[in-house]
Amino acid sequence: MSNRSKQNASKGPDKGAFPLDHFHECDNEAKQYNQCIQKHENMPKRCRKYQVDYLQCRMNNGLMEKEDLSKLGLGPETSWETEEQEKQFLFDKINKMKSKAMEEVKRKSEETNKQE
């Protein structure tokens, strides 16, 4: 009997598994996103606004747990409007990392010189 009760126990969906939209509450948002994806040849970054709208609709209608969009990969750090903005962001990030690395090398070199 205990085996049977363990088999029948239900658990909530894993993160990323969402209930179907049986009442079509978010159909409009889904259609807009799909149209954008088709228009932009399957490049989702160009359709970020529609991704956010769709996820917000699902959260607002109880079709998924409310979650901070940055935890879903849609934070301000990744909200570029164009590929140019993304390239500029990445270029700036690389330059910052390069500067930090150069400062670290300089600091270690100075420490080594002081020890000698």
N, C-alpha and C. Protein backbone atom coordinates (compact mmCIF):
# COMPACT_ATOMS: atom_id res chain seq x y z
N MET A 1 0.83 -1.19 0.00
CA MET A 1 0.00 0.00 0.00
C MET A 1 0.87 1.25 0.00
N SER A 2 1.97 1.23 0.71
CA SER A 2 2.81 2.41 0.74
C SER A 2 3.44 2.69 -0.62
N ASN A 3 3.75 1.66 -1.40
CA ASN A 3 4.29 1.87 -2.74
C ASN A 3 3.28 2.59 -3.63
N ARG A 4 2.02 2.18 -3.52
CA ARG A 4 0.97 2.78 -4.34
C ARG A 4 0.78 4.25 -4.00
N SER A 5 0.82 4.61 -2.73
CA SER A 5 0.63 6.01 -2.33
C SER A 5 1.80 6.87 -2.80
N LYS A 6 3.00 6.30 -2.84
CA LYS A 6 4.15 7.05 -3.33
C LYS A 6 4.03 7.30 -4.83
N GLN A 7 3.50 6.35 -5.56
CA GLN A 7 3.34 6.49 -7.00
C GLN A 7 2.29 7.54 -7.34
N ASN A 8 1.27 7.68 -6.55
CA ASN A 8 0.18 8.60 -6.84
C ASN A 8 0.46 10.02 -6.37
N ALA A 9 1.51 10.19 -5.59
CA ALA A 9 1.82 11.54 -5.10
C ALA A 9 2.22 12.42 -6.27
N SER A 10 1.63 13.59 -6.33
CA SER A 10 1.96 14.49 -7.44
C SER A 10 2.92 15.55 -6.97
N LYS A 11 3.69 16.05 -7.90
CA LYS A 11 4.59 17.14 -7.58
C LYS A 11 4.42 18.22 -8.63
N GLY A 12 4.76 19.43 -8.27
CA GLY A 12 4.64 20.55 -9.19
C GLY A 12 5.59 20.42 -10.36
N PRO A 13 5.33 21.17 -11.42
CA PRO A 13 6.19 21.10 -12.59
C PRO A 13 7.58 21.64 -12.30
N ASP A 14 8.57 21.10 -12.98
CA ASP A 14 9.92 21.62 -12.86
C ASP A 14 9.97 23.01 -13.46
N LYS A 15 10.97 23.78 -13.06
CA LYS A 15 11.14 25.12 -13.63
C LYS A 15 11.31 24.97 -15.13
N GLY A 16 10.54 25.75 -15.87
CA GLY A 16 10.59 25.67 -17.32
C GLY A 16 9.45 24.85 -17.89
N ALA A 17 8.73 24.11 -17.05
CA ALA A 17 7.56 23.35 -17.51
C ALA A 17 6.32 24.12 -17.07
N PHE A 18 5.59 24.65 -18.03
CA PHE A 18 4.47 25.52 -17.70
C PHE A 18 3.15 24.87 -18.11
N PRO A 19 2.08 25.15 -17.37
CA PRO A 19 0.76 24.64 -17.77
C PRO A 19 0.35 25.25 -19.11
N LEU A 20 -0.43 24.48 -19.85
CA LEU A 20 -0.93 24.99 -21.13
C LEU A 20 -1.91 26.12 -20.89
N ASP A 21 -2.02 26.98 -21.84
CA ASP A 21 -2.92 28.13 -21.78
C ASP A 21 -4.28 27.70 -22.35
N HIS A 22 -5.01 26.88 -21.57
CA HIS A 22 -6.27 26.31 -22.04
C HIS A 22 -7.31 27.38 -22.38
N PHE A 23 -7.28 28.51 -21.70
CA PHE A 23 -8.29 29.53 -21.93
C PHE A 23 -7.79 30.64 -22.87
N HIS A 24 -6.63 30.42 -23.46
CA HIS A 24 -6.08 31.32 -24.49
C HIS A 24 -5.90 32.76 -23.99
N GLU A 25 -5.52 32.89 -22.72
CA GLU A 25 -5.35 34.22 -22.14
C GLU A 25 -4.16 34.97 -22.75
N CYS A 26 -3.18 34.25 -23.24
CA CYS A 26 -1.97 34.89 -23.76
C CYS A 26 -1.77 34.64 -25.26
N ASP A 27 -2.86 34.30 -25.95
CA ASP A 27 -2.75 34.04 -27.39
C ASP A 27 -2.23 35.25 -28.16
N ASN A 28 -2.72 36.44 -27.83
CA ASN A 28 -2.31 37.64 -28.55
C ASN A 28 -0.80 37.86 -28.43
N GLU A 29 -0.28 37.72 -27.21
CA GLU A 29 1.16 37.91 -26.97
C GLU A 29 1.98 36.84 -27.70
N ALA A 30 1.48 35.60 -27.68
CA ALA A 30 2.18 34.51 -28.36
C ALA A 30 2.20 34.74 -29.87
N LYS A 31 1.09 35.19 -30.43
CA LYS A 31 1.03 35.46 -31.87
C LYS A 31 1.98 36.59 -32.26
N GLN A 32 2.00 37.64 -31.46
CA GLN A 32 2.90 38.77 -31.75
C GLN A 32 4.36 38.30 -31.73
N TYR A 33 4.70 37.50 -30.74
CA TYR A 33 6.07 37.00 -30.64
C TYR A 33 6.41 36.12 -31.86
N ASN A 34 5.51 35.20 -32.20
CA ASN A 34 5.75 34.31 -33.33
C ASN A 34 5.87 35.08 -34.65
N GLN A 35 5.05 36.11 -34.83
CA GLN A 35 5.15 36.94 -36.02
C GLN A 35 6.50 37.65 -36.07
N CYS A 36 6.94 38.16 -34.94
CA CYS A 36 8.23 38.84 -34.87
C CYS A 36 9.36 37.88 -35.20
N ILE A 37 9.31 36.69 -34.64
CA ILE A 37 10.34 35.68 -34.89
C ILE A 37 10.41 35.35 -36.39
N GLN A 38 9.25 35.18 -37.01
CA GLN A 38 9.23 34.88 -38.44
C GLN A 38 9.78 36.05 -39.25
N LYS A 39 9.38 37.25 -38.88
CA LYS A 39 9.84 38.45 -39.59
C LYS A 39 11.36 38.60 -39.50
N HIS A 40 11.92 38.27 -38.36
CA HIS A 40 13.35 38.46 -38.13
C HIS A 40 14.15 37.16 -38.28
N GLU A 41 13.60 36.21 -39.02
CA GLU A 41 14.30 34.98 -39.35
C GLU A 41 14.85 34.26 -38.12
N ASN A 42 13.98 34.04 -37.15
CA ASN A 42 14.31 33.27 -35.93
C ASN A 42 15.46 33.87 -35.12
N MET A 43 15.47 35.18 -34.99
CA MET A 43 16.46 35.85 -34.14
C MET A 43 15.73 36.44 -32.93
N PRO A 44 15.64 35.69 -31.84
CA PRO A 44 14.82 36.11 -30.70
C PRO A 44 15.24 37.42 -30.06
N LYS A 45 16.52 37.80 -30.14
CA LYS A 45 16.92 39.05 -29.50
C LYS A 45 16.20 40.24 -30.10
N ARG A 46 15.83 40.14 -31.35
CA ARG A 46 15.10 41.23 -32.00
C ARG A 46 13.65 41.30 -31.53
N CYS A 47 13.22 40.28 -30.82
CA CYS A 47 11.82 40.20 -30.38
C CYS A 47 11.71 40.21 -28.86
N ARG A 48 12.69 40.77 -28.20
CA ARG A 48 12.76 40.77 -26.74
C ARG A 48 11.50 41.33 -26.10
N LYS A 49 10.97 42.43 -26.65
CA LYS A 49 9.77 43.06 -26.09
C LYS A 49 8.61 42.06 -26.05
N TYR A 50 8.46 41.28 -27.12
CA TYR A 50 7.36 40.33 -27.19
C TYR A 50 7.60 39.14 -26.26
N GLN A 51 8.85 38.76 -26.06
CA GLN A 51 9.15 37.71 -25.09
C GLN A 51 8.71 38.16 -23.70
N VAL A 52 9.08 39.38 -23.35
CA VAL A 52 8.73 39.92 -22.03
C VAL A 52 7.22 40.01 -21.88
N ASP A 53 6.54 40.53 -22.91
CA ASP A 53 5.08 40.66 -22.85
C ASP A 53 4.42 39.29 -22.63
N TYR A 54 4.91 38.29 -23.34
CA TYR A 54 4.33 36.95 -23.23
C TYR A 54 4.56 36.37 -21.83
N LEU A 55 5.77 36.49 -21.33
CA LEU A 55 6.05 35.96 -19.99
C LEU A 55 5.28 36.71 -18.91
N GLN A 56 5.17 38.03 -19.07
CA GLN A 56 4.38 38.82 -18.11
C GLN A 56 2.92 38.37 -18.13
N CYS A 57 2.38 38.14 -19.32
CA CYS A 57 1.00 37.67 -19.43
C CYS A 57 0.83 36.34 -18.71
N ARG A 58 1.76 35.42 -18.92
CA ARG A 58 1.67 34.11 -18.26
C ARG A 58 1.75 34.26 -16.74
N MET A 59 2.64 35.12 -16.27
CA MET A 59 2.75 35.32 -14.82
C MET A 59 1.48 35.96 -14.27
N ASN A 60 0.95 36.95 -14.99
CA ASN A 60 -0.24 37.66 -14.52
C ASN A 60 -1.49 36.77 -14.50
N ASN A 61 -1.49 35.73 -15.34
CA ASN A 61 -2.66 34.84 -15.42
C ASN A 61 -2.44 33.51 -14.69
N GLY A 62 -1.39 33.44 -13.89
CA GLY A 62 -1.16 32.25 -13.08
C GLY A 62 -0.72 31.03 -13.89
N LEU A 63 -0.19 31.26 -15.09
CA LEU A 63 0.26 30.15 -15.93
C LEU A 63 1.72 29.80 -15.67
N MET A 64 2.37 30.62 -14.89
CA MET A 64 3.72 30.32 -14.42
C MET A 64 3.95 31.13 -13.16
N GLU A 65 4.91 30.70 -12.38
CA GLU A 65 5.23 31.41 -11.15
C GLU A 65 5.80 32.78 -11.47
N LYS A 66 5.44 33.77 -10.67
CA LYS A 66 6.03 35.11 -10.86
C LYS A 66 7.51 35.03 -10.58
N GLU A 67 8.28 35.58 -11.49
CA GLU A 67 9.74 35.48 -11.42
C GLU A 67 10.34 36.79 -11.93
N ASP A 68 11.43 37.17 -11.34
CA ASP A 68 12.16 38.34 -11.81
C ASP A 68 12.69 38.02 -13.21
N LEU A 69 12.42 38.91 -14.17
CA LEU A 69 12.80 38.65 -15.55
C LEU A 69 14.31 38.47 -15.73
N SER A 70 15.09 39.11 -14.88
CA SER A 70 16.54 38.94 -14.99
C SER A 70 16.95 37.50 -14.69
N LYS A 71 16.17 36.81 -13.86
CA LYS A 71 16.46 35.40 -13.58
C LYS A 71 16.08 34.50 -14.76
N LEU A 72 15.31 35.05 -15.69
CA LEU A 72 14.92 34.31 -16.88
C LEU A 72 15.77 34.72 -18.08
N GLY A 73 16.83 35.47 -17.82
CA GLY A 73 17.73 35.87 -18.90
C GLY A 73 17.26 37.10 -19.65
N LEU A 74 16.35 37.86 -19.08
CA LEU A 74 15.78 39.01 -19.76
C LEU A 74 15.99 40.31 -18.99
N GLY A 75 17.09 40.41 -18.30
CA GLY A 75 17.39 41.61 -17.53
C GLY A 75 17.91 42.73 -18.41
N PRO A 76 18.13 43.89 -17.82
CA PRO A 76 18.61 45.05 -18.58
C PRO A 76 19.96 44.80 -19.24
N GLU A 77 20.76 43.91 -18.66
CA GLU A 77 22.07 43.62 -19.23
C GLU A 77 21.97 42.95 -20.60
N THR A 78 20.85 42.32 -20.87
CA THR A 78 20.69 41.61 -22.15
C THR A 78 19.56 42.18 -22.99
N SER A 79 19.16 43.42 -22.74
CA SER A 79 18.00 43.97 -23.44
C SER A 79 18.39 44.93 -24.57
N TRP A 80 19.28 44.48 -25.44
CA TRP A 80 19.70 45.32 -26.54
C TRP A 80 18.61 45.38 -27.60
N GLU A 81 18.45 46.54 -28.20
CA GLU A 81 17.48 46.71 -29.27
C GLU A 81 18.04 46.26 -30.61
N THR A 82 19.35 46.38 -30.78
CA THR A 82 19.98 46.03 -32.05
C THR A 82 21.24 45.22 -31.78
N GLU A 83 21.72 44.58 -32.83
CA GLU A 83 22.97 43.84 -32.72
C GLU A 83 24.13 44.81 -32.46
N GLU A 84 24.03 46.02 -32.99
CA GLU A 84 25.08 47.04 -32.75
C GLU A 84 25.21 47.34 -31.27
N GLN A 85 24.08 47.49 -30.59
CA GLN A 85 24.11 47.75 -29.15
C GLN A 85 24.74 46.57 -28.42
N GLU A 86 24.42 45.37 -28.84
CA GLU A 86 25.00 44.19 -28.20
C GLU A 86 26.50 44.17 -28.42
N LYS A 87 26.94 44.43 -29.65
CA LYS A 87 28.37 44.45 -29.95
C LYS A 87 29.09 45.50 -29.09
N GLN A 88 28.47 46.68 -28.96
CA GLN A 88 29.08 47.75 -28.17
C GLN A 88 29.17 47.35 -26.71
N PHE A 89 28.12 46.74 -26.19
CA PHE A 89 28.11 46.27 -24.81
C PHE A 89 29.24 45.27 -24.58
N LEU A 90 29.36 44.30 -25.48
CA LEU A 90 30.39 43.28 -25.33
C LEU A 90 31.79 43.87 -25.48
N PHE A 91 31.95 44.81 -26.40
CA PHE A 91 33.23 45.48 -26.59
C PHE A 91 33.64 46.22 -25.32
N ASP A 92 32.69 46.96 -24.74
CA ASP A 92 32.96 47.69 -23.50
C ASP A 92 33.31 46.74 -22.36
N LYS A 93 32.59 45.63 -22.28
CA LYS A 93 32.83 44.65 -21.22
C LYS A 93 34.23 44.04 -21.37
N ILE A 94 34.62 43.72 -22.59
CA ILE A 94 35.96 43.17 -22.84
C ILE A 94 37.03 44.18 -22.46
N ASN A 95 36.81 45.45 -22.82
CA ASN A 95 37.79 46.48 -22.48
C ASN A 95 37.93 46.66 -20.97
N LYS A 96 36.83 46.58 -20.25
CA LYS A 96 36.89 46.68 -18.79
C LYS A 96 37.69 45.51 -18.20
N MET A 97 37.43 44.32 -18.72
CA MET A 97 38.15 43.14 -18.23
C MET A 97 39.64 43.25 -18.57
N LYS A 98 39.93 43.76 -19.74
CA LYS A 98 41.33 43.93 -20.16
C LYS A 98 42.04 44.92 -19.25
N SER A 99 41.36 46.03 -18.93
CA SER A 99 41.95 47.03 -18.03
C SER A 99 42.22 46.44 -16.65
N LYS A 100 41.27 45.69 -16.12
CA LYS A 100 41.45 45.05 -14.82
C LYS A 100 42.63 44.08 -14.84
N ALA A 101 42.74 43.32 -15.92
CA ALA A 101 43.85 42.37 -16.03
C ALA A 101 45.18 43.09 -16.08
N MET A 102 45.24 44.18 -16.83
CA MET A 102 46.49 44.95 -16.94
C MET A 102 46.86 45.55 -15.58
N GLU A 103 45.87 46.04 -14.84
CA GLU A 103 46.13 46.58 -13.50
C GLU A 103 46.66 45.49 -12.58
N GLU A 104 46.09 44.29 -12.68
CA GLU A 104 46.53 43.17 -11.84
C GLU A 104 47.97 42.77 -12.18
N VAL A 105 48.29 42.74 -13.47
CA VAL A 105 49.67 42.41 -13.89
C VAL A 105 50.63 43.47 -13.35
N LYS A 106 50.26 44.72 -13.46
CA LYS A 106 51.10 45.82 -12.99
C LYS A 106 51.31 45.71 -11.47
N ARG A 107 50.22 45.43 -10.75
CA ARG A 107 50.30 45.30 -9.30
C ARG A 107 51.23 44.15 -8.90
N LYS A 108 51.09 43.02 -9.54
CA LYS A 108 51.93 41.86 -9.22
C LYS A 108 53.38 42.13 -9.58
N SER A 109 53.60 42.83 -10.67
CA SER A 109 54.96 43.18 -11.08
C SER A 109 55.61 44.09 -10.04
N GLU A 110 54.86 45.06 -9.54
CA GLU A 110 55.37 45.97 -8.53
C GLU A 110 55.68 45.22 -7.24
N GLU A 111 54.82 44.28 -6.86
CA GLU A 111 55.06 43.47 -5.65
C GLU A 111 56.33 42.64 -5.80
N THR A 112 56.52 42.08 -6.97
CA THR A 112 57.71 41.26 -7.23
C THR A 112 58.96 42.13 -7.15
N ASN A 113 58.90 43.32 -7.73
CA ASN A 113 60.05 44.23 -7.70
C ASN A 113 60.38 44.66 -6.27
N LYS A 114 59.37 44.86 -5.43
CA LYS A 114 59.60 45.25 -4.03
C LYS A 114 60.27 44.13 -3.26
N GLN A 115 59.92 42.90 -3.56
CA GLN A 115 60.48 41.75 -2.84
C GLN A 115 61.92 41.49 -3.21
N GLU A 116 62.34 41.93 -4.39
CA GLU A 116 63.72 41.67 -4.82
C GLU A 116 64.64 42.65 -4.24
